[in-house]
Amino acid sequence: MKKSFIQFVNHASVLFGNEKKSILSDPWYSGTVFDNGWSLLFENKKDEILKILKKTSHIWISHEHPDHFSIKFIMEYYEFIKNKIFLFQETQDKRVVNFLKGKKLEVIELKNGEKFKIDEDFTIQVQKSDFYDSALIINLKDKTIFNINDCPLKDENQL
């Protein structure tokens, strides 16, 4: 029997998974963003990040703001992530997808609302929100997790 887990990493970064497969969301672990306007409350140590990356099979980016799509992370940890599968919402401009593909990273674009199988008893579904953001609905064995990130859900109907 596969044991499922949820591990908070930092900011919007969470690791969801089981003993075989896992998704790491929005890895941003060092530096500042938004023209030095934001910084992390703490920065993860490199050995901690490497332990997390060893458990990671997929990396999900919710949207292209730099506190979710960290180019610094991609460049710094490229050797450790080059064999991971990146997941991103389908967009018209393809900026994030083209950047990742330009780095020779495998990327799967997820259509809004379509279920994607990660492993047995482990599926995800992207739910677009507002102009650029997306939430992730994770079905992990008998648990459902709704990771809303920065989605501006203003009322019950949107939820």
N, C-alpha and C. Protein backbone atom coordinates (compact mmCIF):
# COMPACT_ATOMS: atom_id res chain seq x y z
N MET A 1 0.84 -1.19 0.00
CA MET A 1 0.00 0.00 0.00
C MET A 1 0.89 1.25 0.00
N LYS A 2 0.59 2.19 -0.90
CA LYS A 2 1.36 3.42 -1.00
C LYS A 2 0.87 4.43 0.03
N LYS A 3 1.80 4.96 0.78
CA LYS A 3 1.47 5.96 1.79
C LYS A 3 1.55 7.34 1.14
N SER A 4 0.50 8.15 1.31
CA SER A 4 0.50 9.50 0.75
C SER A 4 0.99 10.51 1.79
N PHE A 5 1.45 11.67 1.29
CA PHE A 5 1.97 12.70 2.20
C PHE A 5 1.79 14.09 1.61
N ILE A 6 1.84 15.07 2.48
CA ILE A 6 1.87 16.49 2.12
C ILE A 6 2.97 17.10 2.96
N GLN A 7 3.90 17.81 2.31
CA GLN A 7 5.02 18.42 3.02
C GLN A 7 5.14 19.89 2.62
N PHE A 8 4.95 20.80 3.58
CA PHE A 8 5.15 22.21 3.32
C PHE A 8 6.65 22.46 3.17
N VAL A 9 7.03 23.24 2.13
CA VAL A 9 8.44 23.51 1.90
C VAL A 9 8.76 24.98 2.19
N ASN A 10 8.08 25.89 1.50
CA ASN A 10 8.32 27.32 1.71
C ASN A 10 7.35 28.11 0.84
N HIS A 11 6.95 29.28 1.29
CA HIS A 11 6.07 30.19 0.56
C HIS A 11 4.89 29.42 -0.03
N ALA A 12 4.81 29.27 -1.36
CA ALA A 12 3.72 28.52 -2.00
C ALA A 12 4.17 27.12 -2.41
N SER A 13 5.31 26.70 -1.95
CA SER A 13 5.87 25.42 -2.36
C SER A 13 5.50 24.31 -1.38
N VAL A 14 4.83 23.31 -1.93
CA VAL A 14 4.37 22.16 -1.16
C VAL A 14 4.67 20.91 -1.98
N LEU A 15 5.05 19.84 -1.31
CA LEU A 15 5.27 18.56 -1.97
C LEU A 15 4.11 17.64 -1.62
N PHE A 16 3.42 17.16 -2.66
CA PHE A 16 2.28 16.24 -2.51
C PHE A 16 2.67 14.93 -3.17
N GLY A 17 2.38 13.81 -2.53
CA GLY A 17 2.71 12.59 -3.22
C GLY A 17 2.48 11.31 -2.47
N ASN A 18 3.06 10.26 -3.05
CA ASN A 18 3.08 8.94 -2.42
C ASN A 18 4.52 8.42 -2.53
N GLU A 19 4.72 7.18 -2.20
CA GLU A 19 6.08 6.63 -2.18
C GLU A 19 6.72 6.50 -3.56
N LYS A 20 5.89 6.57 -4.64
CA LYS A 20 6.42 6.42 -5.99
C LYS A 20 6.54 7.74 -6.75
N LYS A 21 5.54 8.61 -6.63
CA LYS A 21 5.49 9.85 -7.41
C LYS A 21 5.10 11.01 -6.51
N SER A 22 5.57 12.20 -6.87
CA SER A 22 5.18 13.39 -6.11
C SER A 22 5.28 14.63 -6.97
N ILE A 23 4.51 15.63 -6.60
CA ILE A 23 4.49 16.92 -7.29
C ILE A 23 4.98 17.98 -6.33
N LEU A 24 5.95 18.75 -6.78
CA LEU A 24 6.45 19.89 -6.03
C LEU A 24 5.86 21.14 -6.67
N SER A 25 5.18 21.95 -5.87
CA SER A 25 4.56 23.16 -6.42
C SER A 25 5.44 24.37 -6.19
N ASP A 26 5.47 25.25 -7.18
CA ASP A 26 6.00 26.60 -7.10
C ASP A 26 7.30 26.75 -6.29
N PRO A 27 8.38 26.11 -6.72
CA PRO A 27 9.63 26.20 -5.95
C PRO A 27 10.31 27.57 -6.06
N TRP A 28 10.30 28.30 -4.97
CA TRP A 28 11.06 29.55 -4.81
C TRP A 28 11.66 29.48 -3.42
N TYR A 29 13.00 29.37 -3.33
CA TYR A 29 13.63 29.10 -2.05
C TYR A 29 14.70 30.10 -1.64
N SER A 30 15.04 31.04 -2.52
CA SER A 30 16.08 32.01 -2.15
C SER A 30 15.93 33.28 -2.97
N GLY A 31 16.51 34.34 -2.45
CA GLY A 31 16.51 35.61 -3.15
C GLY A 31 15.23 36.40 -2.94
N THR A 32 15.18 37.53 -3.62
CA THR A 32 14.01 38.40 -3.54
C THR A 32 13.31 38.43 -4.90
N VAL A 33 12.08 38.92 -4.90
CA VAL A 33 11.31 39.06 -6.13
C VAL A 33 10.61 40.41 -6.13
N PHE A 34 9.96 40.72 -7.22
CA PHE A 34 9.22 41.98 -7.38
C PHE A 34 10.11 43.18 -7.05
N ASP A 35 11.25 43.23 -7.77
CA ASP A 35 12.19 44.35 -7.64
C ASP A 35 12.60 44.56 -6.18
N ASN A 36 12.98 43.46 -5.54
CA ASN A 36 13.41 43.43 -4.13
C ASN A 36 12.31 43.81 -3.15
N GLY A 37 11.06 43.77 -3.59
CA GLY A 37 9.95 44.12 -2.71
C GLY A 37 9.50 42.99 -1.80
N TRP A 38 9.78 41.75 -2.18
CA TRP A 38 9.38 40.59 -1.38
C TRP A 38 10.59 39.72 -1.12
N SER A 39 10.61 39.14 0.08
CA SER A 39 11.60 38.13 0.39
C SER A 39 10.93 37.03 1.20
N LEU A 40 11.58 35.90 1.26
CA LEU A 40 11.07 34.77 2.03
C LEU A 40 11.25 35.03 3.52
N LEU A 41 10.41 34.43 4.35
CA LEU A 41 10.59 34.52 5.80
C LEU A 41 11.85 33.77 6.23
N PHE A 42 12.17 32.68 5.50
CA PHE A 42 13.42 31.96 5.72
C PHE A 42 13.82 31.34 4.38
N GLU A 43 15.09 31.07 4.21
CA GLU A 43 15.57 30.43 3.00
C GLU A 43 15.98 29.00 3.32
N ASN A 44 15.50 28.09 2.50
CA ASN A 44 15.83 26.68 2.69
C ASN A 44 17.32 26.43 2.44
N LYS A 45 17.88 25.54 3.21
CA LYS A 45 19.27 25.13 3.00
C LYS A 45 19.33 24.22 1.78
N LYS A 46 20.44 24.28 1.08
CA LYS A 46 20.59 23.51 -0.15
C LYS A 46 20.38 22.01 0.08
N ASP A 47 20.91 21.46 1.17
CA ASP A 47 20.74 20.03 1.41
C ASP A 47 19.28 19.66 1.64
N GLU A 48 18.49 20.56 2.23
CA GLU A 48 17.04 20.32 2.40
C GLU A 48 16.34 20.29 1.03
N ILE A 49 16.71 21.23 0.17
CA ILE A 49 16.11 21.28 -1.16
C ILE A 49 16.46 20.02 -1.95
N LEU A 50 17.70 19.58 -1.85
CA LEU A 50 18.10 18.37 -2.58
C LEU A 50 17.35 17.14 -2.09
N LYS A 51 17.08 17.04 -0.81
CA LYS A 51 16.27 15.92 -0.28
C LYS A 51 14.87 15.95 -0.87
N ILE A 52 14.31 17.14 -0.96
CA ILE A 52 12.97 17.29 -1.54
C ILE A 52 12.99 16.92 -3.02
N LEU A 53 13.99 17.38 -3.74
CA LEU A 53 14.08 17.09 -5.17
C LEU A 53 14.28 15.60 -5.45
N LYS A 54 14.93 14.89 -4.55
CA LYS A 54 15.08 13.44 -4.71
C LYS A 54 13.72 12.74 -4.67
N LYS A 55 12.79 13.29 -3.89
CA LYS A 55 11.45 12.70 -3.78
C LYS A 55 10.51 13.17 -4.90
N THR A 56 10.92 14.16 -5.67
CA THR A 56 10.05 14.82 -6.63
C THR A 56 10.11 14.17 -8.01
N SER A 57 8.94 13.87 -8.57
CA SER A 57 8.88 13.38 -9.96
C SER A 57 8.36 14.46 -10.90
N HIS A 58 7.49 15.35 -10.40
CA HIS A 58 6.87 16.40 -11.21
C HIS A 58 7.00 17.74 -10.49
N ILE A 59 7.10 18.80 -11.26
CA ILE A 59 7.13 20.16 -10.70
C ILE A 59 6.01 20.95 -11.36
N TRP A 60 5.13 21.49 -10.54
CA TRP A 60 4.00 22.26 -11.03
C TRP A 60 4.23 23.74 -10.75
N ILE A 61 4.05 24.55 -11.78
CA ILE A 61 4.13 26.00 -11.67
C ILE A 61 2.72 26.54 -11.85
N SER A 62 2.21 27.26 -10.84
CA SER A 62 0.83 27.73 -10.90
C SER A 62 0.64 28.92 -11.83
N HIS A 63 1.62 29.81 -11.87
CA HIS A 63 1.57 30.97 -12.76
C HIS A 63 2.95 31.61 -12.82
N GLU A 64 3.10 32.63 -13.65
CA GLU A 64 4.44 33.10 -13.93
C GLU A 64 4.96 34.21 -13.04
N HIS A 65 4.30 34.56 -11.97
CA HIS A 65 4.90 35.51 -11.04
C HIS A 65 6.17 34.90 -10.45
N PRO A 66 7.20 35.72 -10.19
CA PRO A 66 8.50 35.17 -9.78
C PRO A 66 8.53 34.49 -8.41
N ASP A 67 7.50 34.68 -7.59
CA ASP A 67 7.45 33.94 -6.33
C ASP A 67 6.81 32.56 -6.52
N HIS A 68 6.46 32.23 -7.76
CA HIS A 68 5.91 30.91 -8.10
C HIS A 68 6.74 30.26 -9.21
N PHE A 69 7.17 31.06 -10.17
CA PHE A 69 8.00 30.61 -11.29
C PHE A 69 9.37 31.26 -11.12
N SER A 70 10.24 30.58 -10.38
CA SER A 70 11.54 31.13 -10.03
C SER A 70 12.60 30.67 -11.03
N ILE A 71 13.01 31.58 -11.88
CA ILE A 71 14.06 31.26 -12.85
C ILE A 71 15.37 30.98 -12.11
N LYS A 72 15.60 31.70 -11.01
CA LYS A 72 16.81 31.45 -10.21
C LYS A 72 16.85 30.00 -9.73
N PHE A 73 15.73 29.47 -9.26
CA PHE A 73 15.66 28.08 -8.82
C PHE A 73 16.01 27.15 -9.99
N ILE A 74 15.43 27.39 -11.15
CA ILE A 74 15.65 26.53 -12.31
C ILE A 74 17.13 26.53 -12.69
N MET A 75 17.74 27.68 -12.69
CA MET A 75 19.15 27.77 -13.07
C MET A 75 20.06 27.13 -12.01
N GLU A 76 19.78 27.41 -10.75
CA GLU A 76 20.63 26.92 -9.66
C GLU A 76 20.55 25.40 -9.49
N TYR A 77 19.36 24.84 -9.71
CA TYR A 77 19.15 23.40 -9.47
C TYR A 77 18.95 22.61 -10.76
N TYR A 78 19.37 23.17 -11.87
CA TYR A 78 19.12 22.55 -13.17
C TYR A 78 19.56 21.08 -13.21
N GLU A 79 20.74 20.79 -12.72
CA GLU A 79 21.25 19.41 -12.77
C GLU A 79 20.37 18.44 -11.99
N PHE A 80 19.65 18.94 -11.01
CA PHE A 80 18.81 18.09 -10.16
C PHE A 80 17.36 18.02 -10.65
N ILE A 81 16.99 18.92 -11.57
CA ILE A 81 15.60 18.96 -12.05
C ILE A 81 15.47 18.63 -13.53
N LYS A 82 16.59 18.45 -14.22
CA LYS A 82 16.53 18.28 -15.68
C LYS A 82 15.78 17.01 -16.11
N ASN A 83 15.61 16.06 -15.21
CA ASN A 83 14.87 14.84 -15.54
C ASN A 83 13.48 14.80 -14.90
N LYS A 84 13.04 15.90 -14.35
CA LYS A 84 11.70 15.99 -13.77
C LYS A 84 10.73 16.40 -14.87
N ILE A 85 9.46 16.15 -14.65
CA ILE A 85 8.42 16.56 -15.59
C ILE A 85 7.77 17.83 -15.04
N PHE A 86 7.80 18.89 -15.82
CA PHE A 86 7.17 20.14 -15.43
C PHE A 86 5.73 20.16 -15.93
N LEU A 87 4.86 20.69 -15.10
CA LEU A 87 3.44 20.81 -15.43
C LEU A 87 3.05 22.28 -15.36
N PHE A 88 2.33 22.73 -16.37
CA PHE A 88 1.89 24.12 -16.41
C PHE A 88 0.55 24.19 -17.13
N GLN A 89 -0.25 25.16 -16.75
CA GLN A 89 -1.54 25.35 -17.41
C GLN A 89 -1.35 25.73 -18.87
N GLU A 90 -2.27 25.30 -19.71
CA GLU A 90 -2.24 25.69 -21.11
C GLU A 90 -2.56 27.19 -21.22
N THR A 91 -1.69 27.92 -21.91
CA THR A 91 -1.91 29.35 -22.11
C THR A 91 -1.74 29.67 -23.59
N GLN A 92 -2.27 30.82 -24.00
CA GLN A 92 -2.12 31.23 -25.39
C GLN A 92 -0.71 31.70 -25.70
N ASP A 93 -0.09 32.43 -24.77
CA ASP A 93 1.22 33.01 -25.06
C ASP A 93 2.39 32.02 -24.94
N LYS A 94 2.23 30.96 -24.21
CA LYS A 94 3.23 29.90 -24.06
C LYS A 94 4.59 30.39 -23.55
N ARG A 95 4.64 31.54 -22.87
CA ARG A 95 5.92 32.08 -22.40
C ARG A 95 6.64 31.13 -21.44
N VAL A 96 5.92 30.65 -20.43
CA VAL A 96 6.54 29.75 -19.44
C VAL A 96 6.93 28.43 -20.10
N VAL A 97 6.03 27.86 -20.87
CA VAL A 97 6.30 26.59 -21.55
C VAL A 97 7.50 26.72 -22.48
N ASN A 98 7.55 27.79 -23.26
CA ASN A 98 8.67 27.99 -24.18
C ASN A 98 9.99 28.19 -23.44
N PHE A 99 9.94 28.89 -22.31
CA PHE A 99 11.16 29.07 -21.51
C PHE A 99 11.67 27.70 -21.04
N LEU A 100 10.77 26.90 -20.46
CA LEU A 100 11.17 25.59 -19.94
C LEU A 100 11.68 24.67 -21.06
N LYS A 101 10.98 24.66 -22.18
CA LYS A 101 11.42 23.83 -23.31
C LYS A 101 12.76 24.33 -23.85
N GLY A 102 12.97 25.64 -23.82
CA GLY A 102 14.24 26.20 -24.24
C GLY A 102 15.39 25.75 -23.37
N LYS A 103 15.10 25.37 -22.14
CA LYS A 103 16.10 24.83 -21.21
C LYS A 103 16.19 23.31 -21.32
N LYS A 104 15.52 22.75 -22.31
CA LYS A 104 15.52 21.29 -22.55
C LYS A 104 14.85 20.52 -21.41
N LEU A 105 13.83 21.13 -20.81
CA LEU A 105 13.07 20.48 -19.75
C LEU A 105 11.78 19.92 -20.34
N GLU A 106 11.35 18.78 -19.84
CA GLU A 106 10.09 18.19 -20.30
C GLU A 106 8.93 18.93 -19.66
N VAL A 107 7.98 19.36 -20.50
CA VAL A 107 6.84 20.13 -20.02
C VAL A 107 5.56 19.51 -20.57
N ILE A 108 4.58 19.38 -19.71
CA ILE A 108 3.25 18.97 -20.13
C ILE A 108 2.31 20.11 -19.83
N GLU A 109 1.60 20.57 -20.87
CA GLU A 109 0.60 21.61 -20.68
C GLU A 109 -0.72 20.95 -20.32
N LEU A 110 -1.31 21.43 -19.24
CA LEU A 110 -2.56 20.85 -18.75
C LEU A 110 -3.73 21.73 -19.15
N LYS A 111 -4.71 21.13 -19.77
CA LYS A 111 -5.92 21.85 -20.15
C LYS A 111 -6.77 22.12 -18.91
N ASN A 112 -7.42 23.24 -18.89
CA ASN A 112 -8.27 23.61 -17.78
C ASN A 112 -9.34 22.55 -17.53
N GLY A 113 -9.40 22.06 -16.31
CA GLY A 113 -10.44 21.11 -15.91
C GLY A 113 -10.19 19.66 -16.28
N GLU A 114 -9.18 19.38 -17.08
CA GLU A 114 -8.91 18.01 -17.50
C GLU A 114 -8.08 17.27 -16.46
N LYS A 115 -8.49 16.04 -16.12
CA LYS A 115 -7.73 15.25 -15.16
C LYS A 115 -6.48 14.68 -15.81
N PHE A 116 -5.39 14.67 -15.02
CA PHE A 116 -4.11 14.14 -15.48
C PHE A 116 -3.63 13.12 -14.46
N LYS A 117 -3.31 11.93 -14.93
CA LYS A 117 -2.90 10.85 -14.04
C LYS A 117 -1.40 10.92 -13.79
N ILE A 118 -1.03 11.01 -12.52
CA ILE A 118 0.36 10.98 -12.10
C ILE A 118 0.78 9.55 -11.80
N ASP A 119 -0.08 8.84 -11.11
CA ASP A 119 0.20 7.48 -10.67
C ASP A 119 -1.15 6.84 -10.33
N GLU A 120 -1.12 5.57 -10.04
CA GLU A 120 -2.33 4.89 -9.61
C GLU A 120 -2.87 5.59 -8.36
N ASP A 121 -4.14 5.90 -8.33
CA ASP A 121 -4.77 6.61 -7.20
C ASP A 121 -4.17 8.00 -6.97
N PHE A 122 -3.66 8.65 -8.02
CA PHE A 122 -3.04 9.97 -7.88
C PHE A 122 -3.28 10.75 -9.18
N THR A 123 -4.27 11.64 -9.14
CA THR A 123 -4.56 12.48 -10.30
C THR A 123 -4.56 13.95 -9.88
N ILE A 124 -4.37 14.80 -10.87
CA ILE A 124 -4.45 16.24 -10.63
C ILE A 124 -5.35 16.86 -11.69
N GLN A 125 -5.78 18.07 -11.40
CA GLN A 125 -6.62 18.82 -12.32
C GLN A 125 -6.33 20.30 -12.12
N VAL A 126 -6.03 21.00 -13.20
CA VAL A 126 -5.79 22.44 -13.14
C VAL A 126 -7.12 23.16 -13.27
N GLN A 127 -7.29 24.17 -12.44
CA GLN A 127 -8.47 25.02 -12.52
C GLN A 127 -8.00 26.46 -12.70
N LYS A 128 -8.16 26.98 -13.91
CA LYS A 128 -7.73 28.36 -14.18
C LYS A 128 -8.57 29.33 -13.36
N SER A 129 -7.93 30.42 -12.99
CA SER A 129 -8.60 31.44 -12.19
C SER A 129 -8.13 32.81 -12.65
N ASP A 130 -9.08 33.69 -12.84
CA ASP A 130 -8.77 35.06 -13.22
C ASP A 130 -7.99 35.05 -14.53
N PHE A 131 -7.08 35.97 -14.71
CA PHE A 131 -6.38 36.13 -15.98
C PHE A 131 -5.22 35.15 -16.16
N TYR A 132 -4.44 34.91 -15.11
CA TYR A 132 -3.18 34.17 -15.27
C TYR A 132 -2.97 33.06 -14.26
N ASP A 133 -3.67 33.06 -13.16
CA ASP A 133 -3.39 32.12 -12.09
C ASP A 133 -4.09 30.79 -12.33
N SER A 134 -3.71 29.78 -11.57
CA SER A 134 -4.39 28.50 -11.62
C SER A 134 -4.27 27.81 -10.27
N ALA A 135 -5.31 27.10 -9.94
CA ALA A 135 -5.33 26.27 -8.73
C ALA A 135 -5.08 24.83 -9.17
N LEU A 136 -4.72 24.01 -8.21
CA LEU A 136 -4.49 22.60 -8.50
C LEU A 136 -5.36 21.76 -7.57
N ILE A 137 -6.15 20.91 -8.18
CA ILE A 137 -6.96 19.96 -7.43
C ILE A 137 -6.22 18.63 -7.48
N ILE A 138 -5.85 18.14 -6.31
CA ILE A 138 -5.05 16.93 -6.21
C ILE A 138 -5.92 15.84 -5.59
N ASN A 139 -6.05 14.74 -6.28
CA ASN A 139 -6.74 13.57 -5.75
C ASN A 139 -5.68 12.52 -5.49
N LEU A 140 -5.42 12.32 -4.21
CA LEU A 140 -4.34 11.45 -3.78
C LEU A 140 -4.94 10.36 -2.91
N LYS A 141 -5.13 9.20 -3.53
CA LYS A 141 -5.77 8.07 -2.89
C LYS A 141 -7.16 8.47 -2.45
N ASP A 142 -7.42 8.59 -1.16
CA ASP A 142 -8.76 8.93 -0.68
C ASP A 142 -8.85 10.37 -0.19
N LYS A 143 -7.89 11.22 -0.58
CA LYS A 143 -7.88 12.62 -0.15
C LYS A 143 -7.97 13.54 -1.36
N THR A 144 -8.68 14.65 -1.19
CA THR A 144 -8.72 15.69 -2.20
C THR A 144 -8.16 16.96 -1.58
N ILE A 145 -7.19 17.55 -2.26
CA ILE A 145 -6.54 18.78 -1.78
C ILE A 145 -6.77 19.85 -2.84
N PHE A 146 -7.18 21.02 -2.41
CA PHE A 146 -7.42 22.14 -3.32
C PHE A 146 -6.38 23.21 -3.00
N ASN A 147 -5.35 23.28 -3.82
CA ASN A 147 -4.26 24.23 -3.63
C ASN A 147 -4.57 25.47 -4.47
N ILE A 148 -5.03 26.55 -3.81
CA ILE A 148 -5.51 27.72 -4.57
C ILE A 148 -4.44 28.75 -4.86
N ASN A 149 -3.26 28.66 -4.24
CA ASN A 149 -2.20 29.63 -4.48
C ASN A 149 -2.72 31.05 -4.35
N ASP A 150 -2.57 31.85 -5.40
CA ASP A 150 -2.99 33.26 -5.38
C ASP A 150 -4.34 33.48 -6.06
N CYS A 151 -5.08 32.42 -6.30
CA CYS A 151 -6.35 32.56 -7.02
C CYS A 151 -7.30 33.47 -6.25
N PRO A 152 -7.80 34.50 -6.92
CA PRO A 152 -8.71 35.44 -6.25
C PRO A 152 -10.15 34.92 -6.23
N LEU A 153 -10.41 33.94 -5.40
CA LEU A 153 -11.76 33.40 -5.27
C LEU A 153 -12.54 34.32 -4.34
N LYS A 154 -13.47 35.06 -4.93
CA LYS A 154 -14.15 36.12 -4.20
C LYS A 154 -15.47 35.72 -3.58
N ASP A 155 -16.07 34.66 -4.08
CA ASP A 155 -17.36 34.26 -3.54
C ASP A 155 -17.55 32.74 -3.66
N GLU A 156 -18.61 32.26 -3.09
CA GLU A 156 -18.87 30.83 -3.06
C GLU A 156 -19.02 30.23 -4.45
N ASN A 157 -19.61 30.97 -5.38
CA ASN A 157 -19.78 30.47 -6.75
C ASN A 157 -18.43 30.20 -7.41
N GLN A 158 -17.49 31.09 -7.23
CA GLN A 158 -16.15 30.88 -7.80
C GLN A 158 -15.47 29.68 -7.16
N LEU A 159 -15.66 29.51 -5.88
CA LEU A 159 -15.07 28.37 -5.20
C LEU A 159 -15.69 27.09 -5.70
